[in-house]
PDB file of N, CA and C in Angstrom:
ATOM      1  N   MET A   1     101.079  95.499 118.743  1.00  0.00           N
ATOM      2  CA  MET A   1     101.329  94.113 119.094  1.00  0.00           C
ATOM      3  C   MET A   1     100.895  93.905 120.535  1.00  0.00           C
ATOM      4  N   GLU A   2     100.334  92.768 120.795  1.00  0.00           N
ATOM      5  CA  GLU A   2      99.829  92.454 122.122  1.00  0.00           C
ATOM      6  C   GLU A   2     100.976  92.248 123.120  1.00  0.00           C
ATOM      7  N   GLN A   3     100.735  92.662 124.348  1.00  0.00           N
ATOM      8  CA  GLN A   3     101.750  92.524 125.396  1.00  0.00           C
ATOM      9  C   GLN A   3     102.100  91.058 125.633  1.00  0.00           C
ATOM     10  N   GLN A   4     101.128  90.187 125.460  1.00  0.00           N
ATOM     11  CA  GLN A   4     101.355  88.752 125.663  1.00  0.00           C
ATOM     12  C   GLN A   4     102.411  88.226 124.676  1.00  0.00           C
ATOM     13  N   LYS A   5     102.369  88.698 123.436  1.00  0.00           N
ATOM     14  CA  LYS A   5     103.349  88.261 122.443  1.00  0.00           C
ATOM     15  C   LYS A   5     104.730  88.827 122.756  1.00  0.00           C
ATOM     16  N   ILE A   6     104.773  90.063 123.220  1.00  0.00           N
ATOM     17  CA  ILE A   6     106.053  90.669 123.593  1.00  0.00           C
ATOM     18  C   ILE A   6     106.666  89.905 124.765  1.00  0.00           C
ATOM     19  N   ASP A   7     105.831  89.530 125.726  1.00  0.00           N
ATOM     20  CA  ASP A   7     106.321  88.736 126.858  1.00  0.00           C
ATOM     21  C   ASP A   7     106.864  87.392 126.392  1.00  0.00           C
ATOM     22  N   ARG A   8     106.221  86.794 125.387  1.00  0.00           N
ATOM     23  CA  ARG A   8     106.687  85.508 124.856  1.00  0.00           C
ATOM     24  C   ARG A   8     108.038  85.686 124.160  1.00  0.00           C
ATOM     25  N   ILE A   9     108.202  86.773 123.420  1.00  0.00           N
ATOM     26  CA  ILE A   9     109.493  87.054 122.771  1.00  0.00           C
ATOM     27  C   ILE A   9     110.583  87.143 123.835  1.00  0.00           C
ATOM     28  N   ASN A  10     110.298  87.866 124.914  1.00  0.00           N
ATOM     29  CA  ASN A  10     111.286  88.020 125.985  1.00  0.00           C
ATOM     30  C   ASN A  10     111.582  86.697 126.677  1.00  0.00           C
ATOM     31  N   ALA A  11     110.552  85.872 126.878  1.00  0.00           N
ATOM     32  CA  ALA A  11     110.760  84.573 127.518  1.00  0.00           C
ATOM     33  C   ALA A  11     111.630  83.674 126.637  1.00  0.00           C
ATOM     34  N   LEU A  12     111.374  83.699 125.333  1.00  0.00           N
ATOM     35  CA  LEU A  12     112.188  82.881 124.426  1.00  0.00           C
ATOM     36  C   LEU A  12     113.625  83.384 124.366  1.00  0.00           C
ATOM     37  N   ALA A  13     113.819  84.697 124.416  1.00  0.00           N
ATOM     38  CA  ALA A  13     115.173  85.248 124.405  1.00  0.00           C
ATOM     39  C   ALA A  13     115.934  84.834 125.661  1.00  0.00           C
ATOM     40  N   LYS A  14     115.247  84.875 126.795  1.00  0.00           N
ATOM     41  CA  LYS A  14     115.889  84.472 128.047  1.00  0.00           C
ATOM     42  C   LYS A  14     116.254  82.991 128.016  1.00  0.00           C
ATOM     43  N   LYS A  15     115.333  82.173 127.494  1.00  0.00           N
ATOM     44  CA  LYS A  15     115.594  80.737 127.418  1.00  0.00           C
ATOM     45  C   LYS A  15     116.738  80.447 126.454  1.00  0.00           C
ATOM     46  N   ALA A  16     116.820  81.214 125.358  1.00  0.00           N
ATOM     47  CA  ALA A  16     117.899  81.015 124.386  1.00  0.00           C
ATOM     48  C   ALA A  16     119.260  81.283 125.020  1.00  0.00           C
ATOM     49  N   LYS A  17     119.312  82.259 125.921  1.00  0.00           N
ATOM     50  CA  LYS A  17     120.575  82.584 126.577  1.00  0.00           C
ATOM     51  C   LYS A  17     120.967  81.558 127.630  1.00  0.00           C
ATOM     52  N   THR A  18     119.967  80.925 128.270  1.00  0.00           N
ATOM     53  CA  THR A  18     120.274  80.014 129.363  1.00  0.00           C
ATOM     54  C   THR A  18     120.403  78.570 128.895  1.00  0.00           C
ATOM     55  N   THR A  19     119.333  77.992 128.383  1.00  0.00           N
ATOM     56  CA  THR A  19     119.356  76.567 128.039  1.00  0.00           C
ATOM     57  C   THR A  19     119.355  76.295 126.553  1.00  0.00           C
ATOM     58  N   GLY A  20     119.018  77.279 125.747  1.00  0.00           N
ATOM     59  CA  GLY A  20     118.947  77.083 124.304  1.00  0.00           C
ATOM     60  C   GLY A  20     117.528  76.745 123.871  1.00  0.00           C
ATOM     61  N   LEU A  21     117.270  76.915 122.586  1.00  0.00           N
ATOM     62  CA  LEU A  21     115.942  76.668 122.032  1.00  0.00           C
ATOM     63  C   LEU A  21     115.968  75.462 121.119  1.00  0.00           C
ATOM     64  N   ASP A  22     114.835  74.738 121.072  1.00  0.00           N
ATOM     65  CA  ASP A  22     114.726  73.676 120.078  1.00  0.00           C
ATOM     66  C   ASP A  22     114.260  74.309 118.769  1.00  0.00           C
ATOM     67  N   ALA A  23     114.130  73.521 117.723  1.00  0.00           N
ATOM     68  CA  ALA A  23     113.818  74.050 116.394  1.00  0.00           C
ATOM     69  C   ALA A  23     112.463  74.754 116.363  1.00  0.00           C
ATOM     70  N   ALA A  24     111.473  74.194 117.018  1.00  0.00           N
ATOM     71  CA  ALA A  24     110.133  74.788 117.019  1.00  0.00           C
ATOM     72  C   ALA A  24     110.129  76.134 117.737  1.00  0.00           C
ATOM     73  N   GLU A  25     110.829  76.208 118.852  1.00  0.00           N
ATOM     74  CA  GLU A  25     110.902  77.462 119.600  1.00  0.00           C
ATOM     75  C   GLU A  25     111.674  78.530 118.828  1.00  0.00           C
ATOM     76  N   ALA A  26     112.727  78.118 118.137  1.00  0.00           N
ATOM     77  CA  ALA A  26     113.505  79.068 117.342  1.00  0.00           C
ATOM     78  C   ALA A  26     112.654  79.625 116.202  1.00  0.00           C
ATOM     79  N   ALA A  27     111.861  78.767 115.582  1.00  0.00           N
ATOM     80  CA  ALA A  27     110.977  79.221 114.510  1.00  0.00           C
ATOM     81  C   ALA A  27     109.907  80.169 115.055  1.00  0.00           C
ATOM     82  N   GLU A  28     109.364  79.847 116.232  1.00  0.00           N
ATOM     83  CA  GLU A  28     108.362  80.710 116.857  1.00  0.00           C
ATOM     84  C   GLU A  28     108.981  82.069 117.187  1.00  0.00           C
ATOM     85  N   GLN A  29     110.205  82.060 117.719  1.00  0.00           N
ATOM     86  CA  GLN A  29     110.884  83.303 118.066  1.00  0.00           C
ATOM     87  C   GLN A  29     111.109  84.155 116.827  1.00  0.00           C
ATOM     88  N   LYS A  30     111.530  83.537 115.741  1.00  0.00           N
ATOM     89  CA  LYS A  30     111.776  84.266 114.505  1.00  0.00           C
ATOM     90  C   LYS A  30     110.483  84.885 113.978  1.00  0.00           C
ATOM     91  N   ALA A  31     109.394  84.131 114.003  1.00  0.00           N
ATOM     92  CA  ALA A  31     108.100  84.637 113.524  1.00  0.00           C
ATOM     93  C   ALA A  31     107.605  85.793 114.395  1.00  0.00           C
ATOM     94  N   LEU A  32     107.742  85.650 115.710  1.00  0.00           N
ATOM     95  CA  LEU A  32     107.299  86.714 116.610  1.00  0.00           C
ATOM     96  C   LEU A  32     108.136  87.973 116.437  1.00  0.00           C
ATOM     97  N   ARG A  33     109.432  87.813 116.238  1.00  0.00           N
ATOM     98  CA  ARG A  33     110.296  88.975 116.030  1.00  0.00           C
ATOM     99  C   ARG A  33     109.935  89.693 114.735  1.00  0.00           C
ATOM    100  N   GLN A  34     109.653  88.932 113.672  1.00  0.00           N
ATOM    101  CA  GLN A  34     109.262  89.548 112.406  1.00  0.00           C
ATOM    102  C   GLN A  34     107.950  90.304 112.550  1.00  0.00           C
ATOM    103  N   GLU A  35     107.008  89.741 113.295  1.00  0.00           N
ATOM    104  CA  GLU A  35     105.732  90.413 113.541  1.00  0.00           C
ATOM    105  C   GLU A  35     105.951  91.701 114.337  1.00  0.00           C
ATOM    106  N   TYR A  36     106.828  91.648 115.329  1.00  0.00           N
ATOM    107  CA  TYR A  36     107.136  92.826 116.141  1.00  0.00           C
ATOM    108  C   TYR A  36     107.761  93.926 115.290  1.00  0.00           C
ATOM    109  N   ILE A  37     108.713  93.565 114.458  1.00  0.00           N
ATOM    110  CA  ILE A  37     109.386  94.536 113.597  1.00  0.00           C
ATOM    111  C   ILE A  37     108.400  95.161 112.621  1.00  0.00           C
ATOM    112  N   SER A  38     107.524  94.352 112.059  1.00  0.00           N
ATOM    113  CA  SER A  38     106.518  94.851 111.135  1.00  0.00           C
ATOM    114  C   SER A  38     105.577  95.843 111.826  1.00  0.00           C
ATOM    115  N   ALA A  39     105.138  95.510 113.032  1.00  0.00           N
ATOM    116  CA  ALA A  39     104.254  96.402 113.787  1.00  0.00           C
ATOM    117  C   ALA A  39     104.974  97.702 114.137  1.00  0.00           C
ATOM    118  N   PHE A  40     106.234  97.609 114.513  1.00  0.00           N
ATOM    119  CA  PHE A  40     107.026  98.790 114.847  1.00  0.00           C
ATOM    120  C   PHE A  40     107.164  99.711 113.637  1.00  0.00           C
ATOM    121  N   ARG A  41     107.495  99.119 112.487  1.00  0.00           N
ATOM    122  CA  ARG A  41     107.674  99.925 111.281  1.00  0.00           C
ATOM    123  C   ARG A  41     106.381 100.601 110.849  1.00  0.00           C
ATOM    124  N   SER A  42     105.274  99.879 110.920  1.00  0.00           N
ATOM    125  CA  SER A  42     104.005 100.484 110.512  1.00  0.00           C
ATOM    126  C   SER A  42     103.598 101.599 111.472  1.00  0.00           C
ATOM    127  N   SER A  43     103.867 101.415 112.758  1.00  0.00           N
ATOM    128  CA  SER A  43     103.570 102.452 113.736  1.00  0.00           C
ATOM    129  C   SER A  43     104.425 103.697 113.485  1.00  0.00           C
ATOM    130  N   LEU A  44     105.694 103.507 113.216  1.00  0.00           N
ATOM    131  CA  LEU A  44     106.590 104.627 112.944  1.00  0.00           C
ATOM    132  C   LEU A  44     106.190 105.339 111.653  1.00  0.00           C
ATOM    133  N   LYS A  45     105.842 104.580 110.623  1.00  0.00           N
ATOM    134  CA  LYS A  45     105.420 105.181 109.359  1.00  0.00           C
ATOM    135  C   LYS A  45     104.156 106.008 109.558  1.00  0.00           C
ATOM    136  N   ALA A  46     103.205 105.509 110.326  1.00  0.00           N
ATOM    137  CA  ALA A  46     101.976 106.253 110.590  1.00  0.00           C
ATOM    138  C   ALA A  46     102.284 107.548 111.335  1.00  0.00           C
ATOM    139  N   GLN A  47     103.205 107.487 112.284  1.00  0.00           N
ATOM    140  CA  GLN A  47     103.581 108.683 113.036  1.00  0.00           C
ATOM    141  C   GLN A  47     104.248 109.707 112.116  1.00  0.00           C
ATOM    142  N   LEU A  48     105.138 109.250 111.247  1.00  0.00           N
ATOM    143  CA  LEU A  48     105.822 110.165 110.335  1.00  0.00           C
ATOM    144  C   LEU A  48     104.877 110.723 109.283  1.00  0.00           C
ATOM    145  N   ASP A  49     103.884 109.941 108.868  1.00  0.00           N
ATOM    146  CA  ASP A  49     102.897 110.422 107.905  1.00  0.00           C
ATOM    147  C   ASP A  49     102.055 111.555 108.476  1.00  0.00           C
ATOM    148  N   ASN A  50     101.918 111.597 109.781  1.00  0.00           N
ATOM    149  CA  ASN A  50     101.123 112.637 110.431  1.00  0.00           C
ATOM    150  C   ASN A  50     101.971 113.766 111.001  1.00  0.00           C
ATOM    151  N   THR A  51     103.230 113.830 110.630  1.00  0.00           N
ATOM    152  CA  THR A  51     104.139 114.863 111.108  1.00  0.00           C
ATOM    153  C   THR A  51     104.228 115.975 110.063  1.00  0.00           C
ATOM    154  N   ILE A  52     104.195 117.216 110.522  1.00  0.00           N
ATOM    155  CA  ILE A  52     104.339 118.343 109.616  1.00  0.00           C
ATOM    156  C   ILE A  52     105.543 119.173 110.037  1.00  0.00           C
ATOM    157  N   ILE A  53     106.108 119.852 109.059  1.00  0.00           N
ATOM    158  CA  ILE A  53     107.253 120.727 109.286  1.00  0.00           C
ATOM    159  C   ILE A  53     106.764 122.166 109.170  1.00  0.00           C
ATOM    160  N   LEU A  54     107.034 122.958 110.185  1.00  0.00           N
ATOM    161  CA  LEU A  54     106.695 124.376 110.130  1.00  0.00           C
ATOM    162  C   LEU A  54     107.895 125.136 109.581  1.00  0.00           C
ATOM    163  N   LYS A  55     107.668 125.806 108.457  1.00  0.00           N
ATOM    164  CA  LYS A  55     108.751 126.540 107.803  1.00  0.00           C
ATOM    165  C   LYS A  55     108.864 127.941 108.413  1.00  0.00           C
ATOM    166  N   PRO A  56     110.003 128.595 108.236  1.00  0.00           N
ATOM    167  CA  PRO A  56     110.197 129.926 108.820  1.00  0.00           C
ATOM    168  C   PRO A  56     109.149 130.955 108.380  1.00  0.00           C
ATOM    169  N   ASP A  57     108.576 130.787 107.177  1.00  0.00           N
ATOM    170  CA  ASP A  57     107.572 131.737 106.713  1.00  0.00           C
ATOM    171  C   ASP A  57     106.183 131.457 107.285  1.00  0.00           C
ATOM    172  N   GLY A  58     106.064 130.428 108.118  1.00  0.00           N
ATOM    173  CA  GLY A  58     104.805 130.122 108.788  1.00  0.00           C
ATOM    174  C   GLY A  58     103.960 129.065 108.116  1.00  0.00           C
ATOM    175  N   THR A  59     104.381 128.578 106.964  1.00  0.00           N
ATOM    176  CA  THR A  59     103.612 127.538 106.292  1.00  0.00           C
ATOM    177  C   THR A  59     103.959 126.174 106.875  1.00  0.00           C
ATOM    178  N   ALA A  60     103.022 125.273 106.703  1.00  0.00           N
ATOM    179  CA  ALA A  60     103.220 123.906 107.193  1.00  0.00           C
ATOM    180  C   ALA A  60     103.281 122.968 105.999  1.00  0.00           C
ATOM    181  N   ALA A  61     104.223 122.042 106.035  1.00  0.00           N
ATOM    182  CA  ALA A  61     104.378 121.075 104.950  1.00  0.00           C
ATOM    183  C   ALA A  61     104.537 119.683 105.551  1.00  0.00           C
ATOM    184  N   PRO A  62     103.864 118.696 104.977  1.00  0.00           N
ATOM    185  CA  PRO A  62     104.037 117.334 105.487  1.00  0.00           C
ATOM    186  C   PRO A  62     105.415 116.790 105.124  1.00  0.00           C
ATOM    187  N   LEU A  63     105.865 115.823 105.892  1.00  0.00           N
ATOM    188  CA  LEU A  63     107.134 115.172 105.568  1.00  0.00           C
ATOM    189  C   LEU A  63     106.986 114.432 104.250  1.00  0.00           C
ATOM    190  N   GLN A  64     108.062 114.405 103.488  1.00  0.00           N
ATOM    191  CA  GLN A  64     108.038 113.657 102.234  1.00  0.00           C
ATOM    192  C   GLN A  64     109.095 112.574 102.306  1.00  0.00           C
ATOM    193  N   GLN A  65     108.796 111.460 101.665  1.00  0.00           N
ATOM    194  CA  GLN A  65     109.709 110.330 101.705  1.00  0.00           C
ATOM    195  C   GLN A  65     110.956 110.656 100.898  1.00  0.00           C
ATOM    196  N   LYS A  66     112.112 110.334 101.448  1.00  0.00           N
ATOM    197  CA  LYS A  66     113.369 110.576 100.778  1.00  0.00           C
ATOM    198  C   LYS A  66     113.511 109.589  99.625  1.00  0.00           C
ATOM    199  N   ARG A  67     113.959 110.077  98.504  1.00  0.00           N
ATOM    200  CA  ARG A  67     114.113 109.223  97.329  1.00  0.00           C
ATOM    201  C   ARG A  67     115.508 108.631  97.284  1.00  0.00           C
ATOM    202  N   ASP A  68     115.602 107.424  96.759  1.00  0.00           N
ATOM    203  CA  ASP A  68     116.908 106.781  96.596  1.00  0.00           C
ATOM    204  C   ASP A  68     117.685 107.463  95.481  1.00  0.00           C
ATOM    205  N   LYS A  69     118.997 107.509  95.629  1.00  0.00           N
ATOM    206  CA  LYS A  69     119.844 108.129  94.612  1.00  0.00           C
ATOM    207  C   LYS A  69     120.233 107.153  93.529  1.00  0.00           C
ATOM    208  N   SER A  70     119.879 105.886  93.686  1.00  0.00           N
ATOM    209  CA  SER A  70     120.298 104.884  92.697  1.00  0.00           C
ATOM    210  C   SER A  70     119.437 104.850  91.486  1.00  0.00           C
TER     211      SER A  70
END
């Protein structure tokens, strides 16, 4: 995510705490936060996809996604 968008998120958060946001600004803040969360999750997933576990016997195994018990 671009630094300019992160700065805008922070500016809107500061304004929300001081004077409050109008409807358009609140919608913009919500959209920017969702974009930030999406970028964060994809970055974390990419990092975990490239992580390997070294086992005591010396073999390397990639991380596997945990399955739901439901």
